[in-house]
Amino acid sequence: MKSNLLRWIYLIGLSINILFAGPLFDNFKAKQQPNLVEFGNKYLKNVGPHVFYPFGGPDVTYPLLMFPDFETLTLMGLEPAQPVDDFPVELDNQSLSNLSSLYKRSFFITDQMASGVRNVTTIILKQLENLGATNIAVKAIDGKSNAVQLTFTYNDKQRLIRYYKSGLDNDQINLEFLASLKPFDAVLFKAASYLPHQKKFKTFRNFMLENANIFVQDSTGIPFEFLKDRFTLDLHGQYLMPYKFPGGFEQLSFKAYSESLNKPALNVCFGYGCRKVPTNILIARKKEVASL
């Protein structure tokens, strides 16, 4: 009886290791990474040098694969961040579980991140190590708490990542601080919980509409209605409906626009509902304003 119990404990532990460890990244690297790199080289070449990724948390994998020429990536999330001195990093089970969600679903789950992640810097570092980045250095950002910057080499190019723990709703947003990060050459939204659709993020949405040059997003980013007249649109994939998500907003005008284009499906996971609803990536470039 005891031996059977121990065997079951071993098998459960083995299944957890398979979920959390290398095989999930190996599968991502084989099936998703080439498609993301191909998409970026085809449609996002020379986009940058600054990519801003609000609501991205510690996700550095997708920006690195999709924006081949970025020099600086600015991330914002709600989790704490502190410098790390020892490489390679060892993740605890909580952090490994969260990282597995990125490789499996394309995003981190907010509630899971909030429960027990003590330092997102380690999760960022593990992604950089997995992607083969070199010459990695980490330090705190002067004058900011829970803010770190990482310098490294990736694809023979020096890069900088900045992470800030910061709220962006109407009550917490710091417009002076956001303005200090300009220019926003590209803004990335992926699995953003439909926050740019909500009234309590109106100040942030309006600031981005005024200051961003390019949006690269799924349907959880800036609503289609705010983009269709002021930006040149380039849709990849299909938008049919929001995936079942609390607060998911249906965009009928976006659906009609997508149906009119009759674009082929995208073979990448990008946002909610991967393999359950069609993926869509909208590239919106701000139109030139004619001088009077």
Protein backbone atom coordinates (compact mmCIF):
# COMPACT_ATOMS: atom_id res chain seq x y z
CA MET A 1 0.00 0.00 0.00
CA LYS A 2 2.77 2.39 1.00
CA SER A 3 4.80 1.57 -2.10
CA ASN A 4 1.80 2.33 -4.33
CA LEU A 5 1.32 5.69 -2.61
CA LEU A 6 4.97 6.56 -3.12
CA ARG A 7 4.70 5.57 -6.76
CA TRP A 8 1.74 7.92 -7.26
CA ILE A 9 3.60 10.75 -5.54
CA TYR A 10 6.55 10.15 -7.86
CA LEU A 11 4.35 10.15 -10.96
CA ILE A 12 2.62 13.37 -9.93
CA GLY A 13 5.98 14.98 -9.32
CA LEU A 14 7.23 13.79 -12.69
CA SER A 15 4.19 15.27 -14.46
CA ILE A 16 4.77 18.61 -12.72
CA ASN A 17 8.40 18.65 -13.86
CA ILE A 18 7.34 17.90 -17.43
CA LEU A 19 4.87 20.79 -17.26
CA PHE A 20 7.25 23.30 -15.72
CA ALA A 21 10.64 22.47 -17.18
CA GLY A 22 12.38 22.34 -20.55
CA PRO A 23 9.91 20.37 -22.69
CA LEU A 24 7.37 23.22 -22.79
CA PHE A 25 10.01 25.66 -24.01
CA ASP A 26 11.34 23.06 -26.46
CA ASN A 27 7.84 22.70 -27.90
CA PHE A 28 7.44 26.49 -28.08
CA LYS A 29 10.84 26.83 -29.73
CA ALA A 30 9.99 24.23 -32.36
CA LYS A 31 6.42 25.26 -33.17
CA GLN A 32 5.87 28.92 -32.24
CA GLN A 33 9.24 30.63 -32.30
CA PRO A 34 9.92 30.23 -36.06
CA ASN A 35 6.48 31.63 -36.93
CA LEU A 36 6.90 34.63 -34.63
CA VAL A 37 10.36 35.36 -36.03
CA GLU A 38 9.06 35.07 -39.60
CA PHE A 39 6.17 37.42 -38.82
CA GLY A 40 8.50 39.98 -37.25
CA ASN A 41 11.01 39.89 -40.09
CA LYS A 42 8.23 40.29 -42.64
CA TYR A 43 6.05 42.94 -41.03
CA LEU A 44 7.95 44.60 -38.17
CA LYS A 45 11.42 45.05 -39.61
CA ASN A 46 12.92 48.43 -38.65
CA VAL A 47 10.17 49.07 -36.08
CA GLY A 48 11.73 50.75 -33.08
CA PRO A 49 14.12 51.60 -31.59
CA HIS A 50 11.81 51.85 -28.54
CA VAL A 51 9.05 49.27 -27.97
CA PHE A 52 6.67 49.93 -25.08
CA TYR A 53 4.80 46.92 -23.66
CA PRO A 54 2.28 48.00 -21.01
CA PHE A 55 0.45 45.16 -19.26
CA GLY A 56 3.20 42.87 -20.54
CA GLY A 57 4.54 41.94 -17.13
CA PRO A 58 7.84 40.06 -17.50
CA ASP A 59 7.19 38.83 -21.06
CA VAL A 60 10.36 39.50 -23.03
CA THR A 61 10.08 36.46 -25.30
CA TYR A 62 7.45 37.82 -27.69
CA PRO A 63 9.05 41.27 -28.17
CA LEU A 64 12.48 39.73 -28.79
CA LEU A 65 11.12 37.36 -31.40
CA MET A 66 8.73 39.79 -33.11
CA PHE A 67 10.71 43.05 -33.17
CA PRO A 68 14.08 42.16 -34.69
CA ASP A 69 15.48 45.71 -34.57
CA PHE A 70 14.37 47.09 -31.21
CA GLU A 71 17.06 48.60 -29.02
CA THR A 72 15.02 49.40 -25.90
CA LEU A 73 12.03 47.50 -24.51
CA THR A 74 10.02 49.05 -21.67
CA LEU A 75 7.80 46.69 -19.69
CA MET A 76 5.21 47.51 -17.06
CA GLY A 77 3.51 45.13 -14.66
CA LEU A 78 2.16 44.81 -11.14
CA GLU A 79 4.78 42.45 -9.74
CA PRO A 80 7.87 43.43 -7.71
CA ALA A 81 11.31 43.47 -9.31
CA GLN A 82 14.77 43.54 -7.77
CA PRO A 83 18.28 43.07 -9.22
CA VAL A 84 19.72 39.55 -9.43
CA ASP A 85 23.45 38.85 -9.25
CA ASP A 86 23.76 35.10 -9.84
CA PHE A 87 23.44 33.52 -13.31
CA PRO A 88 22.07 31.22 -14.52
CA VAL A 89 18.97 31.68 -12.40
CA GLU A 90 17.05 28.91 -10.68
CA LEU A 91 13.28 29.40 -10.60
CA ASP A 92 11.02 28.18 -7.82
CA ASN A 93 7.92 26.16 -8.73
CA GLN A 94 5.67 29.24 -8.63
CA SER A 95 7.82 31.09 -11.15
CA LEU A 96 8.22 27.99 -13.32
CA SER A 97 4.46 27.55 -13.35
CA ASN A 98 4.00 31.13 -14.53
CA LEU A 99 6.66 30.77 -17.20
CA SER A 100 4.99 27.61 -18.45
CA SER A 101 1.83 29.65 -19.06
CA LEU A 102 3.73 32.00 -21.36
CA TYR A 103 5.10 29.13 -23.44
CA LYS A 104 1.79 27.27 -23.52
CA ARG A 105 -0.76 30.12 -23.77
CA SER A 106 1.36 33.09 -24.92
CA PHE A 107 0.70 35.14 -21.76
CA PHE A 108 1.10 35.23 -18.02
CA ILE A 109 -2.05 34.77 -15.91
CA THR A 110 -2.52 37.84 -13.70
CA ASP A 111 -4.01 36.07 -10.70
CA GLN A 112 -1.26 33.45 -10.70
CA MET A 113 1.43 36.11 -10.96
CA ALA A 114 -0.06 37.93 -7.99
CA SER A 115 0.10 34.87 -5.77
CA GLY A 116 3.66 34.28 -4.71
CA VAL A 117 5.93 35.79 -7.39
CA ARG A 118 8.51 37.65 -5.34
CA ASN A 119 10.79 38.91 -8.10
CA VAL A 120 9.91 38.98 -11.80
CA THR A 121 13.52 39.73 -12.70
CA THR A 122 14.29 36.02 -12.38
CA ILE A 123 11.51 35.18 -14.87
CA ILE A 124 12.89 37.73 -17.33
CA LEU A 125 16.38 36.32 -16.94
CA LYS A 126 15.25 32.74 -17.50
CA GLN A 127 13.62 33.76 -20.79
CA LEU A 128 16.79 35.53 -21.92
CA GLU A 129 18.83 32.46 -21.06
CA ASN A 130 16.41 30.20 -22.92
CA LEU A 131 16.69 32.39 -26.03
CA GLY A 132 20.48 32.36 -25.92
CA ALA A 133 21.10 35.98 -24.90
CA THR A 134 24.64 36.74 -23.74
CA ASN A 135 26.53 39.44 -21.81
CA ILE A 136 23.58 39.87 -19.44
CA ALA A 137 23.85 42.52 -16.71
CA VAL A 138 21.16 43.65 -14.27
CA LYS A 139 20.87 46.70 -12.06
CA ALA A 140 18.26 48.77 -10.27
CA ILE A 141 16.96 51.92 -11.96
CA ASP A 142 17.98 54.93 -9.90
CA GLY A 143 15.16 56.83 -8.25
CA LYS A 144 12.55 54.11 -8.79
CA SER A 145 11.46 51.30 -6.50
CA ASN A 146 10.70 47.91 -8.06
CA ALA A 147 12.38 48.94 -11.29
CA VAL A 148 15.26 47.16 -13.01
CA GLN A 149 17.14 47.38 -16.26
CA LEU A 150 18.89 44.59 -18.10
CA THR A 151 21.50 44.97 -20.81
CA PHE A 152 22.39 42.02 -23.02
CA THR A 153 23.32 40.88 -26.49
CA TYR A 154 20.79 39.09 -28.68
CA ASN A 155 21.24 38.26 -32.36
CA ASP A 156 24.51 40.23 -32.34
CA LYS A 157 22.75 43.40 -31.20
CA GLN A 158 23.04 45.20 -27.86
CA ARG A 159 19.64 45.59 -26.17
CA LEU A 160 18.17 47.25 -23.11
CA ILE A 161 15.10 46.10 -21.19
CA ARG A 162 13.50 48.26 -18.51
CA TYR A 163 10.85 46.91 -16.16
CA TYR A 164 8.72 49.15 -13.92
CA LYS A 165 6.15 48.07 -11.36
CA SER A 166 3.41 50.58 -12.13
CA GLY A 167 -0.37 50.89 -12.23
CA LEU A 168 -1.90 52.58 -15.29
CA ASP A 169 -5.54 53.13 -14.33
CA ASN A 170 -6.94 56.65 -14.00
CA ASP A 171 -6.16 56.81 -10.28
CA GLN A 172 -2.57 55.55 -10.44
CA ILE A 173 -1.25 56.74 -13.78
CA ASN A 174 1.72 59.13 -13.74
CA LEU A 175 1.60 61.04 -17.02
CA GLU A 176 4.82 62.91 -16.30
CA PHE A 177 6.64 59.62 -15.86
CA LEU A 178 5.09 58.15 -19.02
CA ALA A 179 6.05 61.25 -20.99
CA SER A 180 9.65 60.77 -19.85
CA LEU A 181 9.71 57.44 -21.71
CA LYS A 182 8.93 58.97 -25.13
CA PRO A 183 9.17 58.43 -28.01
CA PHE A 184 6.87 55.42 -28.26
CA ASP A 185 7.98 54.05 -31.61
CA ALA A 186 5.81 50.95 -31.14
CA VAL A 187 3.34 49.89 -28.45
CA LEU A 188 2.58 46.21 -27.95
CA PHE A 189 -0.68 44.88 -26.49
CA LYS A 190 -1.17 41.15 -26.02
CA ALA A 191 -3.65 39.53 -23.62
CA ALA A 192 -4.12 42.94 -21.99
CA SER A 193 -7.34 41.99 -20.14
CA TYR A 194 -9.23 44.50 -22.34
CA LEU A 195 -7.98 47.24 -20.02
CA PRO A 196 -7.62 49.86 -22.83
CA HIS A 197 -11.35 49.34 -23.49
CA GLN A 198 -12.35 50.32 -19.96
CA LYS A 199 -13.34 53.77 -18.69
CA LYS A 200 -10.96 53.49 -15.76
CA PHE A 201 -8.06 53.37 -18.24
CA LYS A 202 -9.32 56.25 -20.40
CA THR A 203 -6.46 58.59 -19.43
CA PHE A 204 -3.88 55.99 -20.40
CA ARG A 205 -5.69 55.14 -23.67
CA ASN A 206 -5.89 58.80 -24.71
CA PHE A 207 -2.22 59.34 -23.89
CA MET A 208 -1.22 56.37 -26.03
CA LEU A 209 -3.39 57.50 -28.94
CA GLU A 210 -1.68 60.88 -28.88
CA ASN A 211 1.88 59.65 -28.42
CA ALA A 212 2.26 56.21 -30.05
CA ASN A 213 3.46 55.89 -33.64
CA ILE A 214 2.56 52.22 -34.13
CA PHE A 215 0.32 49.79 -32.27
CA VAL A 216 0.91 46.04 -32.59
CA GLN A 217 -1.95 44.32 -30.80
CA ASP A 218 -4.62 41.71 -30.45
CA SER A 219 -8.24 42.69 -29.83
CA THR A 220 -7.57 43.40 -26.13
CA GLY A 221 -5.60 46.54 -27.04
CA ILE A 222 -6.88 49.91 -28.23
CA PRO A 223 -10.49 49.50 -29.49
CA PHE A 224 -10.87 49.41 -33.27
CA GLU A 225 -13.20 52.45 -33.23
CA PHE A 226 -10.40 54.67 -31.92
CA LEU A 227 -7.97 53.50 -34.61
CA LYS A 228 -9.90 53.18 -37.84
CA ASP A 229 -9.82 56.87 -38.84
CA ARG A 230 -6.50 58.04 -37.38
CA PHE A 231 -4.31 55.06 -38.22
CA THR A 232 -3.44 53.02 -41.29
CA LEU A 233 -4.49 49.46 -40.47
CA ASP A 234 -2.87 46.18 -41.45
CA LEU A 235 -4.71 43.14 -40.05
CA HIS A 236 -3.14 39.70 -39.95
CA GLY A 237 -5.32 36.73 -39.13
CA GLN A 238 -8.99 37.05 -38.27
CA TYR A 239 -11.18 38.66 -35.65
CA LEU A 240 -14.52 36.93 -35.09
CA MET A 241 -15.34 37.40 -31.42
CA PRO A 242 -13.58 37.89 -28.11
CA TYR A 243 -12.48 34.74 -26.38
CA LYS A 244 -14.52 33.95 -23.27
CA PHE A 245 -12.93 36.33 -20.81
CA PRO A 246 -14.45 38.36 -17.96
CA GLY A 247 -15.05 41.82 -19.37
CA GLY A 248 -14.30 40.79 -22.95
CA PHE A 249 -15.64 43.40 -25.35
CA GLU A 250 -17.21 42.42 -28.65
CA GLN A 251 -16.25 44.79 -31.47
CA LEU A 252 -18.80 44.51 -34.25
CA SER A 253 -17.10 47.08 -36.49
CA PHE A 254 -13.79 45.24 -36.13
CA LYS A 255 -15.53 41.98 -37.00
CA ALA A 256 -17.05 43.53 -40.14
CA TYR A 257 -13.66 44.92 -41.14
CA SER A 258 -12.01 41.53 -40.63
CA GLU A 259 -14.69 39.70 -42.62
CA SER A 260 -14.34 42.18 -45.49
CA LEU A 261 -10.63 41.34 -45.80
CA ASN A 262 -11.06 37.55 -45.65
CA LYS A 263 -7.51 37.07 -44.41
CA PRO A 264 -6.06 33.56 -43.90
CA ALA A 265 -5.61 32.21 -40.39
CA LEU A 266 -2.41 32.92 -38.46
CA ASN A 267 -0.39 29.97 -37.26
CA VAL A 268 0.83 31.62 -34.05
CA CYS A 269 -0.38 31.87 -30.47
CA PHE A 270 -0.84 35.55 -29.70
CA GLY A 271 -3.29 36.44 -26.95
CA TYR A 272 -6.32 34.71 -25.51
CA GLY A 273 -7.90 31.56 -26.86
CA CYS A 274 -4.98 30.12 -28.78
CA ARG A 275 -6.23 27.24 -30.96
CA LYS A 276 -9.79 27.92 -29.75
CA VAL A 277 -10.55 31.17 -31.59
CA PRO A 278 -8.70 32.66 -34.58
CA THR A 279 -5.60 34.70 -33.77
CA ASN A 280 -5.42 38.30 -34.92
CA ILE A 281 -2.55 40.78 -34.93
CA LEU A 282 -3.43 44.33 -35.94
CA ILE A 283 -0.62 46.70 -36.93
CA ALA A 284 -1.87 50.30 -36.77
CA ARG A 285 0.40 53.09 -38.01
CA LYS A 286 -0.46 56.70 -37.24
CA LYS A 287 -1.36 58.67 -40.35
CA GLU A 288 0.64 61.70 -41.31
CA VAL A 289 -1.13 64.94 -40.41
CA ALA A 290 -1.19 67.29 -43.37
CA SER A 291 0.33 70.70 -42.58
CA LEU A 292 -1.85 73.75 -43.14
